[in-house]
Amino acid sequence: MVRATLIGFSAILMWSLLALFSSLSGEVPPFLLCTFSFAVATLVGLAATGRRGRPRAPAAKVPLMAWVVGVAGLFGYHFFYFSAVRSAPVVEANLINYLWPLLIVLGSALMPGEGLRWHHVAGALLGLAGTVLIVSDGGRFAFEPEYMFGYGTGVLAAITWASYSLISRRFAQVPTRMVTWYCAAAALLSLVCHIMLEETVMPANTVQWLAVIGMGLMPVGGAFFVWDYGVKHGNIQVLGAASYAAPLLSTLLLILFGISVLTMPIALACLLITGGAALASKDMILRPGRKPTITAV
């Protein structure tokens, strides 16, 4: 269980690169960026499957609901997220979006074999408080009625990713390599949305192309494979609370590359998020040998 949780945590490390890669990708529009990223992720999945030499699972053996959850989770989350940041101020949209780790921790109480305890909730709330400090620049944000559509799609993004993460645990018998086909479907849907909604702007130089490919290898691609394994076989409460490290690490990377600056709110957020993740991980740290109980459907 500890190993699976650590594998899942590597997705959080990858997601921390999203803002950096996005800032280096130039003017490539969101859905085209998703098309490239999901396509790269599909190629990575196919290469990994071929290297292991395992036969691909026939589609007939994968429940239809698993397909729905996988494709809707990957594509739906990014559709709602990009709609939110385009329809509302980015600070408020990001704040609403980062409700998903808290929803995972709270929703895990409804999963078979799981139990919600006070330190899971407390750890998630500490992480949420730290995230507020980061995305609101020290707590300075305001919600305006004119942006209600953007706020609403931000809520849908949070619900979509939390639901995808929680429901995926009920399909533990579905191999993680099926994420390859979820990414392929998401790439096609992203391309359709790009053609219908956006003007094509391709990467202009080598740095931008490397940023786009990097997104597909890690934050909008490779991370989905390790996250799928982590939420199916690891400690989902710990992963939910630890997910708040993504905006923190993302901000620290922007500071390291000179795109942002270190402030007191960021330093305080570091303490809140780190403390919250440690508190939520108390059971795993003290009882690392406990095995999860998973019900497959």
C-alpha atoms as a PDB file:
ATOM      1  CA  MET A   1       0.000   0.000   0.000  1.00  0.00           C
ATOM      2  CA  VAL A   2       2.845   2.409   0.809  1.00  0.00           C
ATOM      3  CA  ARG A   3       4.468   1.687  -2.571  1.00  0.00           C
ATOM      4  CA  ALA A   4       1.219   2.322  -4.453  1.00  0.00           C
ATOM      5  CA  THR A   5       0.668   5.560  -2.529  1.00  0.00           C
ATOM      6  CA  LEU A   6       4.164   6.768  -3.396  1.00  0.00           C
ATOM      7  CA  ILE A   7       3.592   5.902  -7.045  1.00  0.00           C
ATOM      8  CA  GLY A   8       0.379   7.932  -6.942  1.00  0.00           C
ATOM      9  CA  PHE A   9       2.251  10.815  -5.298  1.00  0.00           C
ATOM     10  CA  SER A  10       4.603  10.965  -8.287  1.00  0.00           C
ATOM     11  CA  ALA A  11       1.609  12.228 -10.293  1.00  0.00           C
ATOM     12  CA  ILE A  12       1.398  15.202  -7.925  1.00  0.00           C
ATOM     13  CA  LEU A  13       5.067  15.946  -8.604  1.00  0.00           C
ATOM     14  CA  MET A  14       4.373  15.849 -12.337  1.00  0.00           C
ATOM     15  CA  TRP A  15       1.340  18.135 -12.023  1.00  0.00           C
ATOM     16  CA  SER A  16       3.558  20.703 -10.334  1.00  0.00           C
ATOM     17  CA  LEU A  17       5.254  21.156 -13.744  1.00  0.00           C
ATOM     18  CA  LEU A  18       1.998  22.148 -15.470  1.00  0.00           C
ATOM     19  CA  ALA A  19       2.251  25.908 -14.867  1.00  0.00           C
ATOM     20  CA  LEU A  20       5.918  25.997 -15.886  1.00  0.00           C
ATOM     21  CA  PHE A  21       5.380  24.041 -19.092  1.00  0.00           C
ATOM     22  CA  SER A  22       2.258  26.078 -19.866  1.00  0.00           C
ATOM     23  CA  SER A  23       4.210  29.323 -19.525  1.00  0.00           C
ATOM     24  CA  LEU A  24       6.874  27.974 -21.909  1.00  0.00           C
ATOM     25  CA  SER A  25       4.422  26.649 -24.520  1.00  0.00           C
ATOM     26  CA  GLY A  26       3.749  30.041 -26.065  1.00  0.00           C
ATOM     27  CA  GLU A  27       0.328  30.894 -27.515  1.00  0.00           C
ATOM     28  CA  VAL A  28      -0.844  27.355 -28.243  1.00  0.00           C
ATOM     29  CA  PRO A  29      -4.594  27.332 -27.392  1.00  0.00           C
ATOM     30  CA  PRO A  30      -5.803  25.048 -24.562  1.00  0.00           C
ATOM     31  CA  PHE A  31      -7.639  22.354 -26.545  1.00  0.00           C
ATOM     32  CA  LEU A  32      -4.854  22.059 -29.112  1.00  0.00           C
ATOM     33  CA  LEU A  33      -2.420  21.775 -26.204  1.00  0.00           C
ATOM     34  CA  CYS A  34      -4.576  18.957 -24.789  1.00  0.00           C
ATOM     35  CA  THR A  35      -4.654  17.279 -28.216  1.00  0.00           C
ATOM     36  CA  PHE A  36      -0.857  17.220 -28.390  1.00  0.00           C
ATOM     37  CA  SER A  37      -0.477  16.195 -24.748  1.00  0.00           C
ATOM     38  CA  PHE A  38      -2.984  13.342 -24.839  1.00  0.00           C
ATOM     39  CA  ALA A  39      -1.494  12.121 -28.134  1.00  0.00           C
ATOM     40  CA  VAL A  40       1.992  12.000 -26.579  1.00  0.00           C
ATOM     41  CA  ALA A  41       0.539  10.191 -23.551  1.00  0.00           C
ATOM     42  CA  THR A  42      -1.068   7.639 -25.887  1.00  0.00           C
ATOM     43  CA  LEU A  43       2.267   6.958 -27.588  1.00  0.00           C
ATOM     44  CA  VAL A  44       3.972   6.580 -24.201  1.00  0.00           C
ATOM     45  CA  GLY A  45       1.310   4.097 -23.102  1.00  0.00           C
ATOM     46  CA  LEU A  46       1.639   2.074 -26.291  1.00  0.00           C
ATOM     47  CA  ALA A  47       5.426   2.003 -25.992  1.00  0.00           C
ATOM     48  CA  ALA A  48       5.276   0.918 -22.344  1.00  0.00           C
ATOM     49  CA  THR A  49       2.794  -1.868 -23.119  1.00  0.00           C
ATOM     50  CA  GLY A  50       4.904  -3.142 -26.003  1.00  0.00           C
ATOM     51  CA  ARG A  51       8.094  -3.102 -23.916  1.00  0.00           C
ATOM     52  CA  ARG A  52       6.495  -5.257 -21.209  1.00  0.00           C
ATOM     53  CA  GLY A  53       5.334  -7.695 -23.839  1.00  0.00           C
ATOM     54  CA  ARG A  54       1.926  -8.141 -22.247  1.00  0.00           C
ATOM     55  CA  PRO A  55      -1.109  -8.627 -24.472  1.00  0.00           C
ATOM     56  CA  ARG A  56      -3.533  -5.758 -24.503  1.00  0.00           C
ATOM     57  CA  ALA A  57      -6.771  -6.380 -22.590  1.00  0.00           C
ATOM     58  CA  PRO A  58      -9.630  -6.931 -25.049  1.00  0.00           C
ATOM     59  CA  ALA A  59     -12.150  -4.107 -24.900  1.00  0.00           C
ATOM     60  CA  ALA A  60     -14.921  -6.635 -24.241  1.00  0.00           C
ATOM     61  CA  LYS A  61     -13.375  -7.469 -20.873  1.00  0.00           C
ATOM     62  CA  VAL A  62     -13.366  -3.839 -19.734  1.00  0.00           C
ATOM     63  CA  PRO A  63     -16.737  -2.713 -18.290  1.00  0.00           C
ATOM     64  CA  LEU A  64     -18.462   0.000 -20.286  1.00  0.00           C
ATOM     65  CA  MET A  65     -18.677   2.155 -17.162  1.00  0.00           C
ATOM     66  CA  ALA A  66     -14.878   1.995 -16.831  1.00  0.00           C
ATOM     67  CA  TRP A  67     -14.581   3.473 -20.322  1.00  0.00           C
ATOM     68  CA  VAL A  68     -17.109   6.181 -19.495  1.00  0.00           C
ATOM     69  CA  VAL A  69     -15.355   7.077 -16.236  1.00  0.00           C
ATOM     70  CA  GLY A  70     -11.872   7.060 -17.804  1.00  0.00           C
ATOM     71  CA  VAL A  71     -12.643   9.164 -20.869  1.00  0.00           C
ATOM     72  CA  ALA A  72     -15.067  11.515 -19.104  1.00  0.00           C
ATOM     73  CA  GLY A  73     -12.627  11.962 -16.245  1.00  0.00           C
ATOM     74  CA  LEU A  74      -9.593  12.885 -18.351  1.00  0.00           C
ATOM     75  CA  PHE A  75     -11.328  14.900 -21.061  1.00  0.00           C
ATOM     76  CA  GLY A  76     -14.187  16.256 -18.949  1.00  0.00           C
ATOM     77  CA  TYR A  77     -11.923  17.651 -16.252  1.00  0.00           C
ATOM     78  CA  HIS A  78      -9.762  19.563 -18.719  1.00  0.00           C
ATOM     79  CA  PHE A  79     -12.825  20.792 -20.646  1.00  0.00           C
ATOM     80  CA  PHE A  80     -14.391  22.230 -17.477  1.00  0.00           C
ATOM     81  CA  TYR A  81     -11.076  23.562 -16.158  1.00  0.00           C
ATOM     82  CA  PHE A  82     -10.174  25.460 -19.328  1.00  0.00           C
ATOM     83  CA  SER A  83     -13.749  26.747 -19.581  1.00  0.00           C
ATOM     84  CA  ALA A  84     -13.464  28.039 -16.017  1.00  0.00           C
ATOM     85  CA  VAL A  85     -10.173  29.885 -16.479  1.00  0.00           C
ATOM     86  CA  ARG A  86     -11.461  31.443 -19.720  1.00  0.00           C
ATOM     87  CA  SER A  87     -14.782  32.552 -18.176  1.00  0.00           C
ATOM     88  CA  ALA A  88     -13.669  33.779 -14.732  1.00  0.00           C
ATOM     89  CA  PRO A  89     -10.585  35.397 -13.169  1.00  0.00           C
ATOM     90  CA  VAL A  90      -7.836  32.797 -12.985  1.00  0.00           C
ATOM     91  CA  VAL A  91      -7.317  33.244  -9.219  1.00  0.00           C
ATOM     92  CA  GLU A  92     -10.902  32.434  -8.307  1.00  0.00           C
ATOM     93  CA  ALA A  93     -11.172  29.691 -10.949  1.00  0.00           C
ATOM     94  CA  ASN A  94      -8.048  27.962  -9.616  1.00  0.00           C
ATOM     95  CA  LEU A  95      -9.237  28.264  -6.039  1.00  0.00           C
ATOM     96  CA  ILE A  96     -12.531  26.575  -6.881  1.00  0.00           C
ATOM     97  CA  ASN A  97     -10.774  23.930  -8.971  1.00  0.00           C
ATOM     98  CA  TYR A  98      -8.542  22.973  -6.035  1.00  0.00           C
ATOM     99  CA  LEU A  99     -11.538  21.829  -4.055  1.00  0.00           C
ATOM    100  CA  TRP A 100     -11.021  18.413  -5.661  1.00  0.00           C
ATOM    101  CA  PRO A 101      -8.448  17.123  -3.140  1.00  0.00           C
ATOM    102  CA  LEU A 102     -10.857  17.940  -0.304  1.00  0.00           C
ATOM    103  CA  LEU A 103     -13.699  16.223  -2.182  1.00  0.00           C
ATOM    104  CA  ILE A 104     -11.528  13.111  -2.598  1.00  0.00           C
ATOM    105  CA  VAL A 105     -10.758  12.954   1.124  1.00  0.00           C
ATOM    106  CA  LEU A 106     -14.397  13.477   2.128  1.00  0.00           C
ATOM    107  CA  GLY A 107     -15.796  11.216  -0.605  1.00  0.00           C
ATOM    108  CA  SER A 108     -13.468   8.384   0.341  1.00  0.00           C
ATOM    109  CA  ALA A 109     -15.660   7.735   3.381  1.00  0.00           C
ATOM    110  CA  LEU A 110     -18.281   6.345   0.983  1.00  0.00           C
ATOM    111  CA  MET A 111     -15.890   3.845  -0.614  1.00  0.00           C
ATOM    112  CA  PRO A 112     -15.903   0.151   0.396  1.00  0.00           C
ATOM    113  CA  GLY A 113     -13.151  -0.708   2.847  1.00  0.00           C
ATOM    114  CA  GLU A 114     -12.328   2.929   3.583  1.00  0.00           C
ATOM    115  CA  GLY A 115     -12.935   5.056   6.658  1.00  0.00           C
ATOM    116  CA  LEU A 116     -12.787   8.809   7.155  1.00  0.00           C
ATOM    117  CA  ARG A 117     -11.105  10.012  10.346  1.00  0.00           C
ATOM    118  CA  TRP A 118     -10.563  13.418  11.877  1.00  0.00           C
ATOM    119  CA  HIS A 119      -6.934  13.724  10.761  1.00  0.00           C
ATOM    120  CA  HIS A 120      -7.870  13.085   7.108  1.00  0.00           C
ATOM    121  CA  VAL A 121     -10.318  15.994   7.170  1.00  0.00           C
ATOM    122  CA  ALA A 122      -7.985  18.227   9.186  1.00  0.00           C
ATOM    123  CA  GLY A 123      -5.078  17.516   6.832  1.00  0.00           C
ATOM    124  CA  ALA A 124      -7.196  18.289   3.760  1.00  0.00           C
ATOM    125  CA  LEU A 125      -8.440  21.550   5.292  1.00  0.00           C
ATOM    126  CA  LEU A 126      -4.895  22.640   6.135  1.00  0.00           C
ATOM    127  CA  GLY A 127      -3.910  21.922   2.533  1.00  0.00           C
ATOM    128  CA  LEU A 128      -6.909  23.914   1.283  1.00  0.00           C
ATOM    129  CA  ALA A 129      -5.904  26.867   3.483  1.00  0.00           C
ATOM    130  CA  GLY A 130      -2.383  26.766   2.058  1.00  0.00           C
ATOM    131  CA  THR A 131      -3.729  26.606  -1.482  1.00  0.00           C
ATOM    132  CA  VAL A 132      -5.916  29.656  -0.857  1.00  0.00           C
ATOM    133  CA  LEU A 133      -2.819  31.619   0.138  1.00  0.00           C
ATOM    134  CA  ILE A 134      -1.027  30.578  -3.049  1.00  0.00           C
ATOM    135  CA  VAL A 135      -3.717  31.055  -5.677  1.00  0.00           C
ATOM    136  CA  SER A 136      -5.153  34.236  -4.113  1.00  0.00           C
ATOM    137  CA  ASP A 137      -1.805  36.025  -3.611  1.00  0.00           C
ATOM    138  CA  GLY A 138      -2.101  36.188   0.154  1.00  0.00           C
ATOM    139  CA  GLY A 139      -5.868  36.028   0.440  1.00  0.00           C
ATOM    140  CA  ARG A 140      -6.766  38.876  -1.955  1.00  0.00           C
ATOM    141  CA  PHE A 141      -9.574  37.572  -4.148  1.00  0.00           C
ATOM    142  CA  ALA A 142     -13.201  38.497  -4.829  1.00  0.00           C
ATOM    143  CA  PHE A 143     -16.106  36.611  -6.365  1.00  0.00           C
ATOM    144  CA  GLU A 144     -18.164  38.629  -8.878  1.00  0.00           C
ATOM    145  CA  PRO A 145     -21.702  37.667 -10.050  1.00  0.00           C
ATOM    146  CA  GLU A 146     -20.766  38.292 -13.694  1.00  0.00           C
ATOM    147  CA  TYR A 147     -18.394  35.322 -13.572  1.00  0.00           C
ATOM    148  CA  MET A 148     -20.920  32.798 -12.275  1.00  0.00           C
ATOM    149  CA  PHE A 149     -20.574  30.616 -15.386  1.00  0.00           C
ATOM    150  CA  GLY A 150     -16.823  30.375 -14.842  1.00  0.00           C
ATOM    151  CA  TYR A 151     -17.302  29.637 -11.147  1.00  0.00           C
ATOM    152  CA  GLY A 152     -19.824  26.937 -12.017  1.00  0.00           C
ATOM    153  CA  THR A 153     -17.527  25.211 -14.500  1.00  0.00           C
ATOM    154  CA  GLY A 154     -14.756  25.399 -11.883  1.00  0.00           C
ATOM    155  CA  VAL A 155     -17.007  23.495  -9.480  1.00  0.00           C
ATOM    156  CA  LEU A 156     -17.757  20.942 -12.223  1.00  0.00           C
ATOM    157  CA  ALA A 157     -14.010  20.518 -12.827  1.00  0.00           C
ATOM    158  CA  ALA A 158     -13.410  19.794  -9.142  1.00  0.00           C
ATOM    159  CA  ILE A 159     -16.332  17.363  -8.962  1.00  0.00           C
ATOM    160  CA  THR A 160     -15.260  15.628 -12.191  1.00  0.00           C
ATOM    161  CA  TRP A 161     -11.687  14.932 -11.098  1.00  0.00           C
ATOM    162  CA  ALA A 162     -12.673  13.900  -7.562  1.00  0.00           C
ATOM    163  CA  SER A 163     -15.362  11.577  -8.963  1.00  0.00           C
ATOM    164  CA  TYR A 164     -12.956  10.098 -11.514  1.00  0.00           C
ATOM    165  CA  SER A 165     -10.371   9.405  -8.809  1.00  0.00           C
ATOM    166  CA  LEU A 166     -12.857   7.852  -6.393  1.00  0.00           C
ATOM    167  CA  ILE A 167     -14.804   5.763  -8.920  1.00  0.00           C
ATOM    168  CA  SER A 168     -11.574   4.490 -10.513  1.00  0.00           C
ATOM    169  CA  ARG A 169     -10.861   2.703  -7.230  1.00  0.00           C
ATOM    170  CA  ARG A 170     -13.946   0.570  -7.798  1.00  0.00           C
ATOM    171  CA  PHE A 171     -12.436  -0.646 -11.081  1.00  0.00           C
ATOM    172  CA  ALA A 172      -9.212  -1.940  -9.571  1.00  0.00           C
ATOM    173  CA  GLN A 173      -9.417  -5.023 -11.818  1.00  0.00           C
ATOM    174  CA  VAL A 174      -9.070  -2.825 -14.920  1.00  0.00           C
ATOM    175  CA  PRO A 175      -5.335  -2.624 -15.738  1.00  0.00           C
ATOM    176  CA  THR A 176      -3.679   0.779 -15.644  1.00  0.00           C
ATOM    177  CA  ARG A 177      -2.537   0.336 -19.259  1.00  0.00           C
ATOM    178  CA  MET A 178      -6.160   1.059 -20.279  1.00  0.00           C
ATOM    179  CA  VAL A 179      -5.367   4.708 -19.502  1.00  0.00           C
ATOM    180  CA  THR A 180      -3.608   4.622 -22.890  1.00  0.00           C
ATOM    181  CA  TRP A 181      -6.960   4.275 -24.647  1.00  0.00           C
ATOM    182  CA  TYR A 182      -8.624   6.839 -22.400  1.00  0.00           C
ATOM    183  CA  CYS A 183      -5.910   9.298 -23.473  1.00  0.00           C
ATOM    184  CA  ALA A 184      -6.427   8.383 -27.142  1.00  0.00           C
ATOM    185  CA  ALA A 185     -10.147   9.117 -26.876  1.00  0.00           C
ATOM    186  CA  ALA A 186      -9.438  12.356 -24.982  1.00  0.00           C
ATOM    187  CA  ALA A 187      -7.006  13.427 -27.729  1.00  0.00           C
ATOM    188  CA  LEU A 188      -9.707  12.965 -30.387  1.00  0.00           C
ATOM    189  CA  LEU A 189     -12.310  14.855 -28.345  1.00  0.00           C
ATOM    190  CA  SER A 190      -9.816  17.665 -27.681  1.00  0.00           C
ATOM    191  CA  LEU A 191      -9.077  17.917 -31.399  1.00  0.00           C
ATOM    192  CA  VAL A 192     -12.797  18.219 -32.169  1.00  0.00           C
ATOM    193  CA  CYS A 193     -13.160  20.981 -29.564  1.00  0.00           C
ATOM    194  CA  HIS A 194     -10.116  22.769 -30.994  1.00  0.00           C
ATOM    195  CA  ILE A 195     -11.484  22.693 -34.544  1.00  0.00           C
ATOM    196  CA  MET A 196     -14.877  23.972 -33.380  1.00  0.00           C
ATOM    197  CA  LEU A 197     -13.822  26.556 -30.797  1.00  0.00           C
ATOM    198  CA  GLU A 198     -10.247  27.737 -31.366  1.00  0.00           C
ATOM    199  CA  GLU A 199      -7.904  29.276 -33.882  1.00  0.00           C
ATOM    200  CA  THR A 200      -4.857  27.122 -34.599  1.00  0.00           C
ATOM    201  CA  VAL A 201      -1.578  28.465 -33.221  1.00  0.00           C
ATOM    202  CA  MET A 202       1.348  26.046 -33.413  1.00  0.00           C
ATOM    203  CA  PRO A 203       4.461  26.124 -31.189  1.00  0.00           C
ATOM    204  CA  ALA A 204       6.840  28.718 -32.622  1.00  0.00           C
ATOM    205  CA  ASN A 205      10.249  27.359 -31.584  1.00  0.00           C
ATOM    206  CA  THR A 206      12.127  24.423 -30.086  1.00  0.00           C
ATOM    207  CA  VAL A 207      11.535  25.493 -26.488  1.00  0.00           C
ATOM    208  CA  GLN A 208       7.787  25.646 -27.037  1.00  0.00           C
ATOM    209  CA  TRP A 209       7.743  22.240 -28.720  1.00  0.00           C
ATOM    210  CA  LEU A 210       9.765  20.745 -25.863  1.00  0.00           C
ATOM    211  CA  ALA A 211       7.300  22.256 -23.355  1.00  0.00           C
ATOM    212  CA  VAL A 212       4.346  20.760 -25.248  1.00  0.00           C
ATOM    213  CA  ILE A 213       5.997  17.337 -25.429  1.00  0.00           C
ATOM    214  CA  GLY A 214       6.981  17.604 -21.761  1.00  0.00           C
ATOM    215  CA  MET A 215       3.345  18.179 -20.834  1.00  0.00           C
ATOM    216  CA  GLY A 216       2.379  14.971 -22.619  1.00  0.00           C
ATOM    217  CA  LEU A 217       5.166  13.033 -20.962  1.00  0.00           C
ATOM    218  CA  MET A 218       4.302  14.249 -17.460  1.00  0.00           C
ATOM    219  CA  PRO A 219       1.534  16.579 -16.174  1.00  0.00           C
ATOM    220  CA  VAL A 220      -1.046  16.054 -18.949  1.00  0.00           C
ATOM    221  CA  GLY A 221      -0.192  12.460 -19.778  1.00  0.00           C
ATOM    222  CA  GLY A 222       2.222  10.326 -17.818  1.00  0.00           C
ATOM    223  CA  ALA A 223       0.775  11.504 -14.511  1.00  0.00           C
ATOM    224  CA  PHE A 224      -2.553   9.846 -15.332  1.00  0.00           C
ATOM    225  CA  PHE A 225      -0.978   6.376 -15.403  1.00  0.00           C
ATOM    226  CA  VAL A 226       0.658   6.615 -11.973  1.00  0.00           C
ATOM    227  CA  TRP A 227      -2.388   8.369 -10.496  1.00  0.00           C
ATOM    228  CA  ASP A 228      -4.631   5.562 -11.756  1.00  0.00           C
ATOM    229  CA  TYR A 229      -2.435   2.980 -10.023  1.00  0.00           C
ATOM    230  CA  GLY A 230      -2.198   5.047  -6.857  1.00  0.00           C
ATOM    231  CA  VAL A 231      -5.929   5.657  -6.375  1.00  0.00           C
ATOM    232  CA  LYS A 232      -6.719   1.997  -7.098  1.00  0.00           C
ATOM    233  CA  HIS A 233      -4.162   0.411  -4.776  1.00  0.00           C
ATOM    234  CA  GLY A 234      -2.849   3.114  -2.430  1.00  0.00           C
ATOM    235  CA  ASN A 235      -4.148   5.221   0.462  1.00  0.00           C
ATOM    236  CA  ILE A 236      -6.644   7.499  -1.245  1.00  0.00           C
ATOM    237  CA  GLN A 237      -7.111   9.826   1.763  1.00  0.00           C
ATOM    238  CA  VAL A 238      -3.376  10.498   1.887  1.00  0.00           C
ATOM    239  CA  LEU A 239      -3.241  11.070  -1.869  1.00  0.00           C
ATOM    240  CA  GLY A 240      -6.169  13.477  -1.673  1.00  0.00           C
ATOM    241  CA  ALA A 241      -4.600  15.575   1.087  1.00  0.00           C
ATOM    242  CA  ALA A 242      -1.122  15.410  -0.471  1.00  0.00           C
ATOM    243  CA  SER A 243      -2.524  16.692  -3.771  1.00  0.00           C
ATOM    244  CA  TYR A 244      -2.462  20.189  -2.342  1.00  0.00           C
ATOM    245  CA  ALA A 245       1.306  20.011  -2.777  1.00  0.00           C
ATOM    246  CA  ALA A 246       0.801  20.480  -6.547  1.00  0.00           C
ATOM    247  CA  PRO A 247       0.060  24.244  -6.483  1.00  0.00           C
ATOM    248  CA  LEU A 248       2.777  24.755  -3.866  1.00  0.00           C
ATOM    249  CA  LEU A 249       5.464  22.914  -5.834  1.00  0.00           C
ATOM    250  CA  SER A 250       4.267  24.618  -9.005  1.00  0.00           C
ATOM    251  CA  THR A 251       4.716  28.034  -7.402  1.00  0.00           C
ATOM    252  CA  LEU A 252       8.167  27.105  -6.078  1.00  0.00           C
ATOM    253  CA  LEU A 253       9.254  26.026  -9.566  1.00  0.00           C
ATOM    254  CA  LEU A 254       8.052  29.333 -11.007  1.00  0.00           C
ATOM    255  CA  ILE A 255      10.115  31.092  -8.339  1.00  0.00           C
ATOM    256  CA  LEU A 256      13.158  28.942  -9.153  1.00  0.00           C
ATOM    257  CA  PHE A 257      12.918  29.831 -12.854  1.00  0.00           C
ATOM    258  CA  GLY A 258      12.471  33.527 -12.104  1.00  0.00           C
ATOM    259  CA  ILE A 259       8.825  33.696 -13.215  1.00  0.00           C
ATOM    260  CA  SER A 260       7.513  34.424  -9.708  1.00  0.00           C
ATOM    261  CA  VAL A 261       8.937  35.634  -6.369  1.00  0.00           C
ATOM    262  CA  LEU A 262       8.986  34.198  -2.848  1.00  0.00           C
ATOM    263  CA  THR A 263       6.567  35.912  -0.451  1.00  0.00           C
ATOM    264  CA  MET A 264       5.482  35.409   3.148  1.00  0.00           C
ATOM    265  CA  PRO A 265       2.109  33.878   2.108  1.00  0.00           C
ATOM    266  CA  ILE A 266       3.966  31.275   0.035  1.00  0.00           C
ATOM    267  CA  ALA A 267       6.251  30.427   2.959  1.00  0.00           C
ATOM    268  CA  LEU A 268       3.216  30.051   5.247  1.00  0.00           C
ATOM    269  CA  ALA A 269       1.449  27.958   2.609  1.00  0.00           C
ATOM    270  CA  CYS A 270       4.456  25.633   2.572  1.00  0.00           C
ATOM    271  CA  LEU A 271       4.014  24.962   6.293  1.00  0.00           C
ATOM    272  CA  LEU A 272       0.242  24.462   5.992  1.00  0.00           C
ATOM    273  CA  ILE A 273       0.401  22.088   3.040  1.00  0.00           C
ATOM    274  CA  THR A 274       3.326  20.067   4.355  1.00  0.00           C
ATOM    275  CA  GLY A 275       1.741  19.807   7.803  1.00  0.00           C
ATOM    276  CA  GLY A 276      -1.622  18.864   6.332  1.00  0.00           C
ATOM    277  CA  ALA A 277      -0.143  16.097   4.183  1.00  0.00           C
ATOM    278  CA  ALA A 278       1.809  14.721   7.151  1.00  0.00           C
ATOM    279  CA  LEU A 279      -1.302  14.777   9.358  1.00  0.00           C
ATOM    280  CA  ALA A 280      -3.418  13.009   6.741  1.00  0.00           C
ATOM    281  CA  SER A 281      -0.648  10.395   6.332  1.00  0.00           C
ATOM    282  CA  LYS A 282      -0.553   9.541  10.038  1.00  0.00           C
ATOM    283  CA  ASP A 283      -2.092   6.078   9.628  1.00  0.00           C
ATOM    284  CA  MET A 284       0.177   5.127   6.730  1.00  0.00           C
ATOM    285  CA  ILE A 285       3.276   6.312   8.587  1.00  0.00           C
ATOM    286  CA  LEU A 286       2.401   4.563  11.850  1.00  0.00           C
ATOM    287  CA  ARG A 287       0.904   1.420  10.265  1.00  0.00           C
ATOM    288  CA  PRO A 288       2.625   0.998   6.886  1.00  0.00           C
ATOM    289  CA  GLY A 289       1.684  -2.658   6.580  1.00  0.00           C
ATOM    290  CA  ARG A 290      -2.096  -2.185   6.604  1.00  0.00           C
ATOM    291  CA  LYS A 291      -3.699  -3.525   3.435  1.00  0.00           C
ATOM    292  CA  PRO A 292      -6.592  -1.789   1.687  1.00  0.00           C
ATOM    293  CA  THR A 293      -9.917  -3.504   1.082  1.00  0.00           C
ATOM    294  CA  ILE A 294     -11.175  -2.951  -2.465  1.00  0.00           C
ATOM    295  CA  THR A 295     -14.484  -3.989  -3.939  1.00  0.00           C
ATOM    296  CA  ALA A 296     -14.472  -4.439  -7.713  1.00  0.00           C
ATOM    297  CA  VAL A 297     -17.556  -3.965  -9.847  1.00  0.00           C
END
